[in-house]
Amino acid sequence: MIYTFTTEENNWLSNMARVDIKLKGKIYPSVEHAYMSEKSKDKSWKELCSQKNIIGTQIKKFSSTIKLRDDWEKVKLLVMEYCLKQKFEQEPFKTMLIGTGNENIQEGNYWNDTFWGVNLKSNPNIGENHLGRLIMKIRDEIR
């Protein structure tokens, strides 16, 4: 099982990994940047998200201050899947993902995110693991 994306061995699975993602005519430097850009319809926000000199963790932090688009809860899984598909269609990510075989992939974390991952501080680990499940779905599709 691959259970965390923060280790040196598995950080290529992280949404923070540098990879060009094209979304609505803009190029974003990571899945995180592209995903966060879609949380708001504000053009200046989208421009900020496309800047390569701002790392994904900063964009994630800044996103807590924006006004979310009204339909965000309805579209966020689709937006994430779209961005992840682009990432894993590119090398070396495609080959690395296929190389995980049939391993279960969990986005384990220590920041209590039980929607995208599982909380590694809880015993047993609690979480919906949407990110891991999307990655495994994409792996099945590209095989």
C-alpha atoms as a PDB file:
ATOM      1  CA  MET A   1       0.000   0.000   0.000  1.00  0.00           C
ATOM      2  CA  ILE A   2       1.129   3.495  -0.815  1.00  0.00           C
ATOM      3  CA  TYR A   3      -0.216   5.560   2.045  1.00  0.00           C
ATOM      4  CA  THR A   4       1.397   8.976   2.006  1.00  0.00           C
ATOM      5  CA  PHE A   5       2.542  11.353  -0.703  1.00  0.00           C
ATOM      6  CA  THR A   6       4.892  13.370   1.513  1.00  0.00           C
ATOM      7  CA  THR A   7       7.775  10.868   1.531  1.00  0.00           C
ATOM      8  CA  GLU A   8      10.657  11.375  -0.889  1.00  0.00           C
ATOM      9  CA  GLU A   9       9.788   8.056  -2.528  1.00  0.00           C
ATOM     10  CA  ASN A  10       6.132   8.946  -3.147  1.00  0.00           C
ATOM     11  CA  ASN A  11       6.078  12.741  -3.491  1.00  0.00           C
ATOM     12  CA  TRP A  12       5.563  12.380  -7.265  1.00  0.00           C
ATOM     13  CA  LEU A  13       1.960  11.442  -6.410  1.00  0.00           C
ATOM     14  CA  SER A  14       1.418  14.753  -4.617  1.00  0.00           C
ATOM     15  CA  ASN A  15      -0.673  17.470  -6.221  1.00  0.00           C
ATOM     16  CA  MET A  16       2.237  19.780  -5.433  1.00  0.00           C
ATOM     17  CA  ALA A  17       4.585  17.961  -7.856  1.00  0.00           C
ATOM     18  CA  ARG A  18       5.656  20.231 -10.707  1.00  0.00           C
ATOM     19  CA  VAL A  19       3.883  19.342 -13.943  1.00  0.00           C
ATOM     20  CA  ASP A  20       2.231  21.584 -16.517  1.00  0.00           C
ATOM     21  CA  ILE A  21      -1.563  21.421 -16.375  1.00  0.00           C
ATOM     22  CA  LYS A  22      -3.572  23.196 -19.050  1.00  0.00           C
ATOM     23  CA  LEU A  23      -6.975  24.428 -17.971  1.00  0.00           C
ATOM     24  CA  LYS A  24      -9.200  26.880 -19.802  1.00  0.00           C
ATOM     25  CA  GLY A  25      -6.375  28.340 -21.868  1.00  0.00           C
ATOM     26  CA  LYS A  26      -3.908  28.782 -18.992  1.00  0.00           C
ATOM     27  CA  ILE A  27      -0.906  26.687 -18.009  1.00  0.00           C
ATOM     28  CA  TYR A  28      -0.538  25.957 -14.298  1.00  0.00           C
ATOM     29  CA  PRO A  29       2.658  24.625 -12.690  1.00  0.00           C
ATOM     30  CA  SER A  30       0.969  21.783 -10.759  1.00  0.00           C
ATOM     31  CA  VAL A  31      -2.316  20.004 -10.189  1.00  0.00           C
ATOM     32  CA  GLU A  32      -2.688  22.017  -6.973  1.00  0.00           C
ATOM     33  CA  HIS A  33      -2.357  25.336  -8.804  1.00  0.00           C
ATOM     34  CA  ALA A  34      -4.875  24.352 -11.492  1.00  0.00           C
ATOM     35  CA  TYR A  35      -7.350  22.866  -9.022  1.00  0.00           C
ATOM     36  CA  MET A  36      -7.217  25.872  -6.707  1.00  0.00           C
ATOM     37  CA  SER A  37      -7.674  28.242  -9.652  1.00  0.00           C
ATOM     38  CA  GLU A  38     -11.100  26.726 -10.283  1.00  0.00           C
ATOM     39  CA  LYS A  39     -12.354  27.423  -6.765  1.00  0.00           C
ATOM     40  CA  SER A  40     -13.157  31.000  -7.773  1.00  0.00           C
ATOM     41  CA  LYS A  41     -14.259  32.781 -10.916  1.00  0.00           C
ATOM     42  CA  ASP A  42     -12.078  35.791 -10.049  1.00  0.00           C
ATOM     43  CA  LYS A  43      -9.646  36.482 -12.913  1.00  0.00           C
ATOM     44  CA  SER A  44      -6.943  37.918 -10.661  1.00  0.00           C
ATOM     45  CA  TRP A  45      -7.098  34.739  -8.551  1.00  0.00           C
ATOM     46  CA  LYS A  46      -6.641  32.582 -11.651  1.00  0.00           C
ATOM     47  CA  GLU A  47      -3.692  34.733 -12.691  1.00  0.00           C
ATOM     48  CA  LEU A  48      -2.077  34.328  -9.261  1.00  0.00           C
ATOM     49  CA  CYS A  49      -2.564  30.552  -9.455  1.00  0.00           C
ATOM     50  CA  SER A  50      -0.798  30.373 -12.818  1.00  0.00           C
ATOM     51  CA  GLN A  51       2.420  31.949 -11.524  1.00  0.00           C
ATOM     52  CA  LYS A  52       5.317  29.498 -11.428  1.00  0.00           C
ATOM     53  CA  ASN A  53       7.149  31.294  -8.628  1.00  0.00           C
ATOM     54  CA  ILE A  54       4.403  30.539  -6.101  1.00  0.00           C
ATOM     55  CA  ILE A  55       4.538  27.022  -4.681  1.00  0.00           C
ATOM     56  CA  GLY A  56       1.476  24.831  -4.294  1.00  0.00           C
ATOM     57  CA  THR A  57       1.381  25.038  -0.506  1.00  0.00           C
ATOM     58  CA  GLN A  58       1.195  28.840  -0.748  1.00  0.00           C
ATOM     59  CA  ILE A  59      -1.662  28.665  -3.266  1.00  0.00           C
ATOM     60  CA  LYS A  60      -3.495  26.237  -0.995  1.00  0.00           C
ATOM     61  CA  LYS A  61      -3.053  28.611   1.950  1.00  0.00           C
ATOM     62  CA  PHE A  62      -4.155  31.661  -0.071  1.00  0.00           C
ATOM     63  CA  SER A  63      -7.260  29.791  -1.261  1.00  0.00           C
ATOM     64  CA  SER A  64      -8.737  29.920   2.227  1.00  0.00           C
ATOM     65  CA  THR A  65      -9.351  33.652   1.732  1.00  0.00           C
ATOM     66  CA  ILE A  66     -11.208  33.548  -1.599  1.00  0.00           C
ATOM     67  CA  LYS A  67     -14.926  33.516  -2.274  1.00  0.00           C
ATOM     68  CA  LEU A  68     -15.788  30.052  -3.547  1.00  0.00           C
ATOM     69  CA  ARG A  69     -17.837  29.706  -6.703  1.00  0.00           C
ATOM     70  CA  ASP A  70     -21.427  28.729  -5.947  1.00  0.00           C
ATOM     71  CA  ASP A  71     -21.212  25.269  -7.511  1.00  0.00           C
ATOM     72  CA  TRP A  72     -17.844  24.292  -6.042  1.00  0.00           C
ATOM     73  CA  GLU A  73     -19.075  21.351  -3.978  1.00  0.00           C
ATOM     74  CA  LYS A  74     -20.765  19.922  -7.077  1.00  0.00           C
ATOM     75  CA  VAL A  75     -17.757  20.225  -9.400  1.00  0.00           C
ATOM     76  CA  LYS A  76     -14.657  19.812  -7.241  1.00  0.00           C
ATOM     77  CA  LEU A  77     -14.264  16.066  -7.845  1.00  0.00           C
ATOM     78  CA  LEU A  78     -14.622  16.559 -11.605  1.00  0.00           C
ATOM     79  CA  VAL A  79     -12.062  19.365 -11.589  1.00  0.00           C
ATOM     80  CA  MET A  80      -9.602  17.219  -9.624  1.00  0.00           C
ATOM     81  CA  GLU A  81     -10.087  14.248 -11.939  1.00  0.00           C
ATOM     82  CA  TYR A  82      -9.518  16.443 -15.009  1.00  0.00           C
ATOM     83  CA  CYS A  83      -6.273  17.813 -13.576  1.00  0.00           C
ATOM     84  CA  LEU A  84      -5.030  14.401 -12.438  1.00  0.00           C
ATOM     85  CA  LYS A  85      -5.704  12.862 -15.851  1.00  0.00           C
ATOM     86  CA  GLN A  86      -3.496  15.497 -17.444  1.00  0.00           C
ATOM     87  CA  LYS A  87      -0.731  14.852 -14.946  1.00  0.00           C
ATOM     88  CA  PHE A  88      -0.738  11.095 -15.378  1.00  0.00           C
ATOM     89  CA  GLU A  89      -0.844  11.268 -19.176  1.00  0.00           C
ATOM     90  CA  GLN A  90       2.619  12.857 -18.999  1.00  0.00           C
ATOM     91  CA  GLU A  91       5.963  11.165 -18.420  1.00  0.00           C
ATOM     92  CA  PRO A  92       7.462  10.227 -16.059  1.00  0.00           C
ATOM     93  CA  PHE A  93       4.211  10.242 -14.087  1.00  0.00           C
ATOM     94  CA  LYS A  94       2.423   7.797 -16.402  1.00  0.00           C
ATOM     95  CA  THR A  95       5.129   5.139 -16.183  1.00  0.00           C
ATOM     96  CA  MET A  96       5.507   5.629 -12.444  1.00  0.00           C
ATOM     97  CA  LEU A  97       1.765   5.255 -11.891  1.00  0.00           C
ATOM     98  CA  ILE A  98       1.556   2.111 -13.998  1.00  0.00           C
ATOM     99  CA  GLY A  99       4.532   0.835 -12.002  1.00  0.00           C
ATOM    100  CA  THR A 100       2.443   0.844  -8.830  1.00  0.00           C
ATOM    101  CA  GLY A 101       0.652  -2.236 -10.170  1.00  0.00           C
ATOM    102  CA  ASN A 102      -2.455  -2.961  -8.146  1.00  0.00           C
ATOM    103  CA  GLU A 103      -1.252  -1.318  -4.949  1.00  0.00           C
ATOM    104  CA  ASN A 104      -3.855   0.512  -2.918  1.00  0.00           C
ATOM    105  CA  ILE A 105      -3.089   4.239  -2.935  1.00  0.00           C
ATOM    106  CA  GLN A 106      -4.127   6.336   0.046  1.00  0.00           C
ATOM    107  CA  GLU A 107      -3.478  10.027   0.499  1.00  0.00           C
ATOM    108  CA  GLY A 108      -2.496   9.681   4.139  1.00  0.00           C
ATOM    109  CA  ASN A 109      -2.060  12.933   6.000  1.00  0.00           C
ATOM    110  CA  TYR A 110      -1.599  14.438   9.442  1.00  0.00           C
ATOM    111  CA  TRP A 111      -3.722  17.546   8.846  1.00  0.00           C
ATOM    112  CA  ASN A 112      -7.114  15.842   9.354  1.00  0.00           C
ATOM    113  CA  ASP A 113      -8.180  15.856   5.684  1.00  0.00           C
ATOM    114  CA  THR A 114     -10.738  13.079   5.598  1.00  0.00           C
ATOM    115  CA  PHE A 115     -12.283  14.074   2.258  1.00  0.00           C
ATOM    116  CA  TRP A 116      -9.264  13.832  -0.056  1.00  0.00           C
ATOM    117  CA  GLY A 117      -7.329  11.397   2.099  1.00  0.00           C
ATOM    118  CA  VAL A 118      -7.200   9.539   5.371  1.00  0.00           C
ATOM    119  CA  ASN A 119      -6.194  10.945   8.736  1.00  0.00           C
ATOM    120  CA  LEU A 120      -3.090   9.037   9.831  1.00  0.00           C
ATOM    121  CA  LYS A 121      -3.517  10.342  13.391  1.00  0.00           C
ATOM    122  CA  SER A 122      -6.740   8.345  13.806  1.00  0.00           C
ATOM    123  CA  ASN A 123      -6.758   4.652  14.618  1.00  0.00           C
ATOM    124  CA  PRO A 124      -8.056   3.136  12.490  1.00  0.00           C
ATOM    125  CA  ASN A 125      -7.249   5.672   9.768  1.00  0.00           C
ATOM    126  CA  ILE A 126     -10.452   7.523   8.907  1.00  0.00           C
ATOM    127  CA  GLY A 127     -11.134   9.160   5.559  1.00  0.00           C
ATOM    128  CA  GLU A 128     -12.866   8.928   2.213  1.00  0.00           C
ATOM    129  CA  ASN A 129      -9.580   8.962   0.242  1.00  0.00           C
ATOM    130  CA  HIS A 130     -11.091  10.610  -2.845  1.00  0.00           C
ATOM    131  CA  LEU A 131      -7.640  11.588  -4.126  1.00  0.00           C
ATOM    132  CA  GLY A 132      -6.245   8.083  -3.848  1.00  0.00           C
ATOM    133  CA  ARG A 133      -9.365   6.591  -5.403  1.00  0.00           C
ATOM    134  CA  LEU A 134      -9.203   9.016  -8.360  1.00  0.00           C
ATOM    135  CA  ILE A 135      -5.543   8.185  -8.941  1.00  0.00           C
ATOM    136  CA  MET A 136      -6.296   4.449  -8.901  1.00  0.00           C
ATOM    137  CA  LYS A 137      -9.206   4.991 -11.320  1.00  0.00           C
ATOM    138  CA  ILE A 138      -6.922   6.864 -13.703  1.00  0.00           C
ATOM    139  CA  ARG A 139      -4.297   4.121 -13.352  1.00  0.00           C
ATOM    140  CA  ASP A 140      -6.887   1.547 -14.425  1.00  0.00           C
ATOM    141  CA  GLU A 141      -7.929   3.701 -17.380  1.00  0.00           C
ATOM    142  CA  ILE A 142      -4.399   4.260 -18.738  1.00  0.00           C
ATOM    143  CA  ARG A 143      -3.309   0.618 -18.446  1.00  0.00           C
END
